[in-house]
Amino acid sequence: MTYLLDALRTRIGEFVHLRRDLHQHPELAFEEHRTAALVADKLEGWGYTVERGVGGTGVVGRLVRGTGSRRLGLRADMDALPIDETSGVAWASTRPGLMHACGHDGHTAMLLAAARHLAEHGSFDGTLHLVFQPAEEGGGGALRMMSDGLFERYPCDAVFAMHNMPGIAQGHLVFRDGAAMASSDYATITIEGVGGHGAMPHRAADPIVAAASLVMALQTIVSRNVDPLHAAVVTVGALQAGQANNVIPASARLELSMRALDREVRALLERRIRAQVAAQAESFGCTARIDWRPGYAVLVNTPAETAFAREVALDLLGPDKVTLNGPPLTGSEDFAFMLERVPGSYLLIGNGLGEQGGGGDSPAASACMVHNPGYDFNDANLPVGAAYWVRLAERFLVKE
């Protein structure tokens, strides 16, 4: 498959420019108007049938060849993050407080590069659906597109997505069967006590003491309630109470995030947290209320589709550049919702170990983890990712 990679490398400069343009103009969830317009205009210019505004700012491009009945979906995310960029690259964000700190600019550019090649040179028989999704960063853009009829209007027999990952060699592809990314849930816990003078605690019901006890009790859920062979995370990210050293406040607030790699463990975390909150508050003469906010589901790759995706990678890059079954991640991804509706797989592409980044121009950036203000997508991945999508599409929609 060297010829395919070589062919894409010869014209990748156009998409490096496009990726860096997107990087300079980041847009938050459901605000990706400029990005969506650029994507839609490109696809239409290459002959795709395009629908704009799917799920708000989403774009779907359809390309049909031959009479084949198979239908494939490839998804890229488009949104940025509310972070001030410190990468120092020449194409850094021009919008203060916003940046592409997760590489969605690169994901979009990779899929567009594949889209052009498939439109001009692709050999397949069937229907290709390219899904450019808004609001992956906590906005639930996948759910919004699905509720807007994504898979009813653009049915898919399988759907695939790819995400870059710093700390893995540039262009190396990583696959995983089954649960690959964690669920994410969030909760605000408000403990109500009785305020009073710090010198007379017996006349108060101290919510700070109840909150402190609760923080420690929550640590036992993973260590004593979750099967040691299963992964889970309960994090108290904020505890806010009081303003003066001699005043017992009337309330305290905690902010929690929870992660799990198993649906049953996810449900267990909620049950145990609710029980601990009620018990700890009562034991200190306080009351508590919980605002529980479900986030993303566990991302589960289906076996047959993951095996197929892995075979494509081995054929394209060889075994030295493919991890057959990598470890799961405790980060979350709303592509999980698409995989609850349609079989498919989510894979990783290495963004580099720090030896190069941004096509060799920003080595420090490629060493940064995603969501870091110094991060930058590695442009050397553009031809690799595009070639992978081309080969996967041609093999999935193979001519009979």
Protein backbone atom coordinates (compact mmCIF):
# COMPACT_ATOMS: atom_id res chain seq x y z
CA MET A 1 0.00 0.00 0.00
CA THR A 2 3.05 2.27 -0.25
CA TYR A 3 1.68 3.74 -3.48
CA LEU A 4 -1.40 5.03 -1.67
CA LEU A 5 0.63 6.73 1.04
CA ASP A 6 2.98 8.19 -1.57
CA ALA A 7 0.07 9.49 -3.62
CA LEU A 8 -1.45 11.23 -0.63
CA ARG A 9 1.88 12.65 0.53
CA THR A 10 2.40 14.37 -2.83
CA ARG A 11 -0.71 16.48 -2.38
CA ILE A 12 -0.93 16.72 1.40
CA GLY A 13 0.35 20.31 1.45
CA GLU A 14 -3.17 21.51 0.64
CA PHE A 15 -4.48 19.79 3.75
CA VAL A 16 -1.62 20.93 5.97
CA HIS A 17 -2.62 24.46 5.00
CA LEU A 18 -6.27 23.65 5.66
CA ARG A 19 -5.51 22.09 9.06
CA ARG A 20 -3.48 25.08 10.15
CA ASP A 21 -6.20 27.43 8.98
CA LEU A 22 -8.69 25.52 11.14
CA HIS A 23 -6.23 25.69 14.02
CA GLN A 24 -6.04 29.46 13.72
CA HIS A 25 -9.83 29.75 13.79
CA PRO A 26 -11.09 27.45 16.56
CA GLU A 27 -14.79 27.28 17.38
CA LEU A 28 -16.52 25.87 20.45
CA ALA A 29 -19.31 23.29 20.58
CA PHE A 30 -22.26 24.11 18.32
CA GLU A 31 -20.48 27.28 17.19
CA GLU A 32 -18.49 25.57 14.38
CA HIS A 33 -20.13 27.69 11.67
CA ARG A 34 -16.94 28.63 9.81
CA THR A 35 -15.52 25.12 10.10
CA ALA A 36 -18.76 23.48 8.96
CA ALA A 37 -19.06 25.83 5.98
CA LEU A 38 -15.48 25.08 4.93
CA VAL A 39 -16.09 21.33 5.20
CA ALA A 40 -19.39 21.47 3.30
CA ASP A 41 -17.97 23.66 0.52
CA LYS A 42 -15.02 21.31 0.02
CA LEU A 43 -17.22 18.21 -0.11
CA GLU A 44 -19.65 19.80 -2.57
CA GLY A 45 -16.76 20.86 -4.76
CA TRP A 46 -15.56 17.24 -4.91
CA GLY A 47 -18.98 15.89 -5.91
CA TYR A 48 -20.49 14.81 -2.60
CA THR A 49 -24.15 15.29 -1.82
CA VAL A 50 -24.00 17.42 1.33
CA GLU A 51 -26.41 18.23 4.13
CA ARG A 52 -25.55 21.09 6.45
CA GLY A 53 -26.92 21.83 9.91
CA VAL A 54 -27.37 18.23 11.04
CA GLY A 55 -27.70 18.34 14.82
CA GLY A 56 -26.98 22.06 14.80
CA THR A 57 -23.67 22.55 13.01
CA GLY A 58 -22.94 19.03 11.80
CA VAL A 59 -22.20 18.18 8.16
CA VAL A 60 -22.78 14.90 6.33
CA GLY A 61 -21.40 14.13 2.88
CA ARG A 62 -22.65 11.21 0.80
CA LEU A 63 -20.87 9.60 -2.14
CA VAL A 64 -22.45 6.69 -4.01
CA ARG A 65 -20.61 4.45 -6.46
CA GLY A 66 -21.99 1.47 -8.34
CA THR A 67 -24.94 -0.57 -7.13
CA GLY A 68 -23.52 -2.08 -3.94
CA SER A 69 -25.84 -2.22 -0.94
CA ARG A 70 -23.23 -1.72 1.79
CA ARG A 71 -23.11 1.60 3.63
CA LEU A 72 -20.12 2.94 5.56
CA GLY A 73 -19.85 5.84 7.98
CA LEU A 74 -16.60 7.66 8.82
CA ARG A 75 -16.73 10.33 11.53
CA ALA A 76 -14.51 13.28 12.45
CA ASP A 77 -15.10 15.86 15.19
CA MET A 78 -14.77 19.61 14.61
CA ASP A 79 -14.98 21.56 17.89
CA ALA A 80 -12.25 23.26 19.92
CA LEU A 81 -11.74 23.98 23.64
CA PRO A 82 -11.87 27.08 25.87
CA ILE A 83 -8.09 27.17 26.47
CA ASP A 84 -5.50 29.92 25.89
CA GLU A 85 -2.89 28.50 23.51
CA THR A 86 0.81 28.56 24.44
CA SER A 87 2.22 26.32 21.68
CA GLY A 88 4.16 29.13 20.02
CA VAL A 89 3.56 27.75 16.52
CA ALA A 90 3.17 30.18 13.65
CA TRP A 91 -0.39 28.98 13.08
CA ALA A 92 -1.49 29.38 16.70
CA SER A 93 -5.06 30.34 17.51
CA THR A 94 -6.06 33.88 16.61
CA ARG A 95 -8.98 33.74 19.05
CA PRO A 96 -8.01 34.47 22.67
CA GLY A 97 -9.25 31.82 25.08
CA LEU A 98 -9.96 29.26 22.35
CA MET A 99 -7.75 26.62 20.79
CA HIS A 100 -7.73 23.25 19.08
CA ALA A 101 -6.17 21.51 22.07
CA CYS A 102 -7.44 18.04 21.17
CA GLY A 103 -6.57 17.77 17.49
CA HIS A 104 -10.06 17.95 16.03
CA ASP A 105 -8.62 20.25 13.38
CA GLY A 106 -6.36 17.36 12.36
CA HIS A 107 -9.17 14.80 12.46
CA THR A 108 -11.23 17.00 10.15
CA ALA A 109 -8.32 17.56 7.77
CA MET A 110 -7.48 13.82 7.62
CA LEU A 111 -11.03 12.91 6.67
CA LEU A 112 -11.23 15.71 4.11
CA ALA A 113 -7.99 14.53 2.50
CA ALA A 114 -9.45 11.04 2.29
CA ALA A 115 -12.71 12.46 0.94
CA ARG A 116 -10.99 14.14 -1.97
CA HIS A 117 -8.95 11.07 -2.86
CA LEU A 118 -12.01 8.83 -2.71
CA ALA A 119 -14.01 11.22 -4.88
CA GLU A 120 -11.30 11.46 -7.52
CA HIS A 121 -9.65 8.04 -7.40
CA GLY A 122 -11.66 5.82 -5.08
CA SER A 123 -12.58 2.35 -6.26
CA PHE A 124 -15.61 1.11 -4.32
CA ASP A 125 -19.14 -0.12 -4.75
CA GLY A 126 -21.69 1.20 -2.27
CA THR A 127 -22.49 4.28 -0.20
CA LEU A 128 -19.98 6.33 1.76
CA HIS A 129 -21.20 8.68 4.50
CA LEU A 130 -18.72 11.18 5.93
CA VAL A 131 -19.91 12.57 9.27
CA PHE A 132 -18.36 15.80 10.51
CA GLN A 133 -19.64 16.12 14.06
CA PRO A 134 -19.90 19.19 16.28
CA ALA A 135 -19.59 19.38 20.04
CA GLU A 136 -17.62 16.30 21.02
CA GLU A 137 -16.03 18.15 23.93
CA GLY A 138 -18.82 17.61 26.44
CA GLY A 139 -21.60 18.92 24.24
CA GLY A 140 -22.95 15.57 23.13
CA GLY A 141 -22.88 16.42 19.44
CA ALA A 142 -23.18 12.76 18.48
CA LEU A 143 -26.48 12.48 20.36
CA ARG A 144 -27.71 15.72 18.80
CA MET A 145 -26.96 14.46 15.29
CA MET A 146 -28.58 11.11 16.05
CA SER A 147 -31.71 12.75 17.45
CA ASP A 148 -31.82 14.80 14.25
CA GLY A 149 -32.11 11.57 12.26
CA LEU A 150 -28.48 10.93 11.33
CA PHE A 151 -28.75 7.17 10.96
CA GLU A 152 -32.30 7.26 9.60
CA ARG A 153 -31.29 9.54 6.72
CA TYR A 154 -27.77 8.14 6.40
CA PRO A 155 -27.99 4.48 7.46
CA CYS A 156 -24.67 2.74 8.04
CA ASP A 157 -23.73 -0.92 8.32
CA ALA A 158 -20.66 0.13 10.28
CA VAL A 159 -19.14 3.37 11.54
CA PHE A 160 -15.52 4.22 12.41
CA ALA A 161 -13.64 7.11 14.03
CA MET A 162 -10.01 7.98 14.79
CA HIS A 163 -8.34 10.12 17.47
CA ASN A 164 -4.73 11.23 17.80
CA MET A 165 -2.81 10.34 20.96
CA PRO A 166 0.42 12.00 22.17
CA GLY A 167 2.88 9.62 23.77
CA ILE A 168 2.51 7.09 20.94
CA ALA A 169 4.92 7.15 18.00
CA GLN A 170 3.73 9.32 15.13
CA GLY A 171 1.52 7.41 12.71
CA HIS A 172 1.33 4.26 14.84
CA LEU A 173 -2.22 2.87 14.95
CA VAL A 174 -3.72 1.35 18.10
CA PHE A 175 -6.81 -0.86 18.27
CA ARG A 176 -8.79 -2.38 21.10
CA ASP A 177 -11.59 -4.92 21.30
CA GLY A 178 -14.54 -4.23 23.58
CA ALA A 179 -14.55 -1.39 26.12
CA ALA A 180 -11.98 1.14 24.90
CA MET A 181 -12.96 4.38 26.65
CA ALA A 182 -14.72 5.11 29.90
CA SER A 183 -18.12 6.50 30.68
CA SER A 184 -18.24 9.96 32.24
CA ASP A 185 -20.73 11.25 34.79
CA TYR A 186 -20.78 14.36 36.93
CA ALA A 187 -22.43 15.38 40.19
CA THR A 188 -22.81 18.46 42.35
CA ILE A 189 -23.38 17.62 46.02
CA THR A 190 -24.73 20.31 48.33
CA ILE A 191 -24.55 19.62 52.06
CA GLU A 192 -26.84 21.78 54.17
CA GLY A 193 -25.96 22.28 57.85
CA VAL A 194 -26.59 24.94 60.44
CA GLY A 195 -24.25 27.90 60.44
CA GLY A 196 -22.80 29.38 63.58
CA HIS A 197 -19.87 30.90 65.43
CA GLY A 198 -16.58 29.04 65.15
CA ALA A 199 -16.15 29.32 68.92
CA MET A 200 -19.47 27.52 69.59
CA PRO A 201 -19.55 24.52 67.22
CA HIS A 202 -22.04 22.70 69.46
CA ARG A 203 -24.67 25.24 68.40
CA ALA A 204 -24.12 24.44 64.71
CA ALA A 205 -24.16 21.49 62.33
CA ASP A 206 -20.89 21.82 60.44
CA PRO A 207 -21.21 21.01 56.71
CA ILE A 208 -17.43 21.32 56.23
CA VAL A 209 -16.76 18.41 58.57
CA ALA A 210 -19.48 16.40 56.81
CA ALA A 211 -17.99 17.28 53.42
CA ALA A 212 -14.47 16.34 54.54
CA SER A 213 -15.70 13.01 55.84
CA LEU A 214 -17.58 12.44 52.61
CA VAL A 215 -14.46 13.10 50.52
CA MET A 216 -12.64 10.35 52.37
CA ALA A 217 -15.59 7.96 52.33
CA LEU A 218 -15.93 8.34 48.57
CA GLN A 219 -12.38 7.01 48.17
CA THR A 220 -13.53 3.64 49.51
CA ILE A 221 -16.03 3.07 46.70
CA VAL A 222 -13.41 2.12 44.12
CA SER A 223 -11.16 0.36 46.64
CA ARG A 224 -13.88 -1.58 48.46
CA ASN A 225 -16.98 -1.80 46.24
CA VAL A 226 -15.61 -2.16 42.70
CA ASP A 227 -14.15 -5.48 41.58
CA PRO A 228 -10.33 -5.01 41.62
CA LEU A 229 -10.22 -6.36 38.05
CA HIS A 230 -12.41 -3.50 36.84
CA ALA A 231 -11.30 0.11 36.42
CA ALA A 232 -13.19 3.06 37.88
CA VAL A 233 -12.43 6.61 39.01
CA VAL A 234 -14.23 8.85 41.50
CA THR A 235 -12.70 12.32 41.66
CA VAL A 236 -13.69 15.21 43.92
CA GLY A 237 -12.53 18.16 41.86
CA ALA A 238 -13.84 20.96 44.09
CA LEU A 239 -14.94 21.52 47.67
CA GLN A 240 -16.25 24.99 48.39
CA ALA A 241 -17.48 26.24 51.77
CA GLY A 242 -17.19 29.24 54.01
CA GLN A 243 -15.28 32.51 53.85
CA ALA A 244 -14.07 33.29 57.37
CA ASN A 245 -11.95 31.41 59.90
CA ASN A 246 -14.36 31.94 62.78
CA VAL A 247 -17.63 31.21 61.00
CA ILE A 248 -19.18 27.80 60.46
CA PRO A 249 -20.99 28.10 57.12
CA ALA A 250 -24.49 26.87 56.47
CA SER A 251 -23.58 24.80 53.43
CA ALA A 252 -20.76 23.16 51.49
CA ARG A 253 -20.59 22.11 47.85
CA LEU A 254 -18.61 19.34 46.19
CA GLU A 255 -18.07 18.73 42.48
CA LEU A 256 -17.48 15.13 41.39
CA SER A 257 -16.58 13.31 38.21
CA MET A 258 -16.89 9.56 37.74
CA ARG A 259 -15.44 7.19 35.14
CA ALA A 260 -16.00 3.50 34.46
CA LEU A 261 -15.13 0.99 31.74
CA ASP A 262 -18.13 -1.23 32.41
CA ARG A 263 -21.84 -0.37 32.32
CA GLU A 264 -22.57 -2.28 35.53
CA VAL A 265 -19.68 -0.60 37.34
CA ARG A 266 -20.99 2.75 36.16
CA ALA A 267 -24.38 1.99 37.74
CA LEU A 268 -22.67 0.74 40.92
CA LEU A 269 -20.77 4.02 41.31
CA GLU A 270 -23.98 6.01 41.24
CA ARG A 271 -25.70 3.76 43.78
CA ARG A 272 -22.79 3.84 46.22
CA ILE A 273 -22.17 7.58 45.88
CA ARG A 274 -25.81 8.34 46.60
CA ALA A 275 -25.74 6.05 49.64
CA GLN A 276 -22.50 7.56 50.96
CA VAL A 277 -23.76 11.11 50.54
CA ALA A 278 -26.96 10.41 52.46
CA ALA A 279 -25.21 8.48 55.24
CA GLN A 280 -22.34 10.93 55.76
CA ALA A 281 -24.62 13.98 55.82
CA GLU A 282 -27.00 12.37 58.31
CA SER A 283 -24.18 11.25 60.59
CA PHE A 284 -23.20 14.91 61.11
CA GLY A 285 -26.72 16.24 61.50
CA CYS A 286 -26.83 17.67 58.00
CA THR A 287 -28.89 17.05 54.89
CA ALA A 288 -27.69 16.68 51.32
CA ARG A 289 -28.98 16.93 47.80
CA ILE A 290 -27.36 15.61 44.61
CA ASP A 291 -27.52 17.03 41.10
CA TRP A 292 -26.49 14.00 39.03
CA ARG A 293 -25.60 14.69 35.39
CA PRO A 294 -25.07 11.65 33.13
CA GLY A 295 -22.29 12.16 30.62
CA TYR A 296 -20.96 9.87 27.89
CA ALA A 297 -21.48 6.13 27.72
CA VAL A 298 -18.76 3.47 27.82
CA LEU A 299 -17.26 3.26 24.34
CA VAL A 300 -17.44 -0.38 23.22
CA ASN A 301 -15.81 -1.48 19.97
CA THR A 302 -17.57 -4.39 18.31
CA PRO A 303 -15.36 -7.45 17.64
CA ALA A 304 -15.93 -8.06 13.92
CA GLU A 305 -15.54 -4.41 12.94
CA THR A 306 -12.44 -3.98 15.10
CA ALA A 307 -10.88 -7.08 13.53
CA PHE A 308 -11.62 -5.64 10.09
CA ALA A 309 -10.17 -2.23 11.00
CA ARG A 310 -7.06 -3.92 12.37
CA GLU A 311 -6.57 -5.91 9.17
CA VAL A 312 -6.74 -2.71 7.12
CA ALA A 313 -4.00 -1.17 9.27
CA LEU A 314 -1.75 -4.21 9.00
CA ASP A 315 -2.18 -4.21 5.24
CA LEU A 316 -1.43 -0.49 4.99
CA LEU A 317 1.40 -0.05 7.50
CA GLY A 318 2.68 -3.49 8.50
CA PRO A 319 2.87 -5.05 11.97
CA ASP A 320 5.62 -2.76 13.28
CA LYS A 321 3.29 0.24 13.17
CA VAL A 322 0.16 -1.39 14.58
CA THR A 323 -0.80 -2.28 18.16
CA LEU A 324 -3.32 -5.09 17.89
CA ASN A 325 -5.00 -4.64 21.27
CA GLY A 326 -3.92 -1.64 23.29
CA PRO A 327 -4.97 -0.67 26.82
CA PRO A 328 -8.29 1.08 27.50
CA LEU A 329 -8.43 4.80 28.27
CA THR A 330 -10.30 6.46 31.12
CA GLY A 331 -11.06 9.48 28.95
CA SER A 332 -14.52 9.69 27.40
CA GLU A 333 -15.80 10.12 23.86
CA ASP A 334 -19.33 10.63 22.56
CA PHE A 335 -18.67 8.39 19.57
CA ALA A 336 -19.75 5.81 22.18
CA PHE A 337 -23.36 6.76 21.48
CA MET A 338 -22.96 6.03 17.77
CA LEU A 339 -21.51 2.63 18.64
CA GLU A 340 -24.60 1.88 20.74
CA ARG A 341 -26.64 2.22 17.54
CA VAL A 342 -24.30 0.94 14.84
CA PRO A 343 -21.44 -1.62 14.92
CA GLY A 344 -18.01 -0.11 14.53
CA SER A 345 -14.67 0.75 16.04
CA TYR A 346 -12.68 3.68 17.42
CA LEU A 347 -8.91 3.69 16.92
CA LEU A 348 -5.95 5.83 17.92
CA ILE A 349 -3.18 7.32 15.79
CA GLY A 350 0.05 8.28 17.56
CA ASN A 351 0.75 12.02 17.62
CA GLY A 352 4.43 11.56 18.45
CA LEU A 353 6.86 11.14 21.32
CA GLY A 354 8.22 14.67 21.15
CA GLU A 355 10.70 13.93 18.38
CA GLN A 356 8.54 15.81 15.89
CA GLY A 357 5.26 17.62 15.76
CA GLY A 358 3.37 19.82 13.34
CA GLY A 359 5.27 18.22 10.48
CA GLY A 360 8.57 18.70 12.29
CA ASP A 361 8.05 22.35 13.26
CA SER A 362 6.82 21.99 16.84
CA PRO A 363 8.54 19.15 18.71
CA ALA A 364 7.41 20.42 22.11
CA ALA A 365 3.80 20.50 20.98
CA SER A 366 3.74 16.85 19.96
CA ALA A 367 4.96 15.88 23.43
CA CYS A 368 2.01 17.64 25.08
CA MET A 369 -1.02 15.62 26.06
CA VAL A 370 -4.34 16.67 24.56
CA HIS A 371 -6.14 19.49 26.42
CA ASN A 372 -2.73 21.01 27.23
CA PRO A 373 -2.29 24.68 26.15
CA GLY A 374 0.98 23.76 24.43
CA TYR A 375 -0.51 20.95 22.31
CA ASP A 376 -0.52 20.83 18.51
CA PHE A 377 -1.66 18.17 16.05
CA ASN A 378 1.16 16.44 14.17
CA ASP A 379 0.74 17.21 10.48
CA ALA A 380 2.84 14.18 9.54
CA ASN A 381 -0.28 12.19 10.45
CA LEU A 382 -2.39 13.73 7.70
CA PRO A 383 -1.32 11.40 4.86
CA VAL A 384 -1.28 8.36 7.19
CA GLY A 385 -4.76 8.98 8.54
CA ALA A 386 -6.13 9.85 5.11
CA ALA A 387 -4.60 6.73 3.54
CA TYR A 388 -6.10 4.61 6.30
CA TRP A 389 -9.60 6.01 5.69
CA VAL A 390 -9.24 5.50 1.94
CA ARG A 391 -8.13 1.91 2.31
CA LEU A 392 -10.78 1.11 4.90
CA ALA A 393 -13.52 2.55 2.70
CA GLU A 394 -12.37 0.70 -0.40
CA ARG A 395 -12.15 -2.61 1.48
CA PHE A 396 -15.47 -2.22 3.30
CA LEU A 397 -17.26 -1.17 0.11
CA VAL A 398 -15.40 -3.68 -2.05
CA LYS A 399 -16.75 -4.34 -5.50
CA GLU A 400 -18.35 -7.76 -5.75
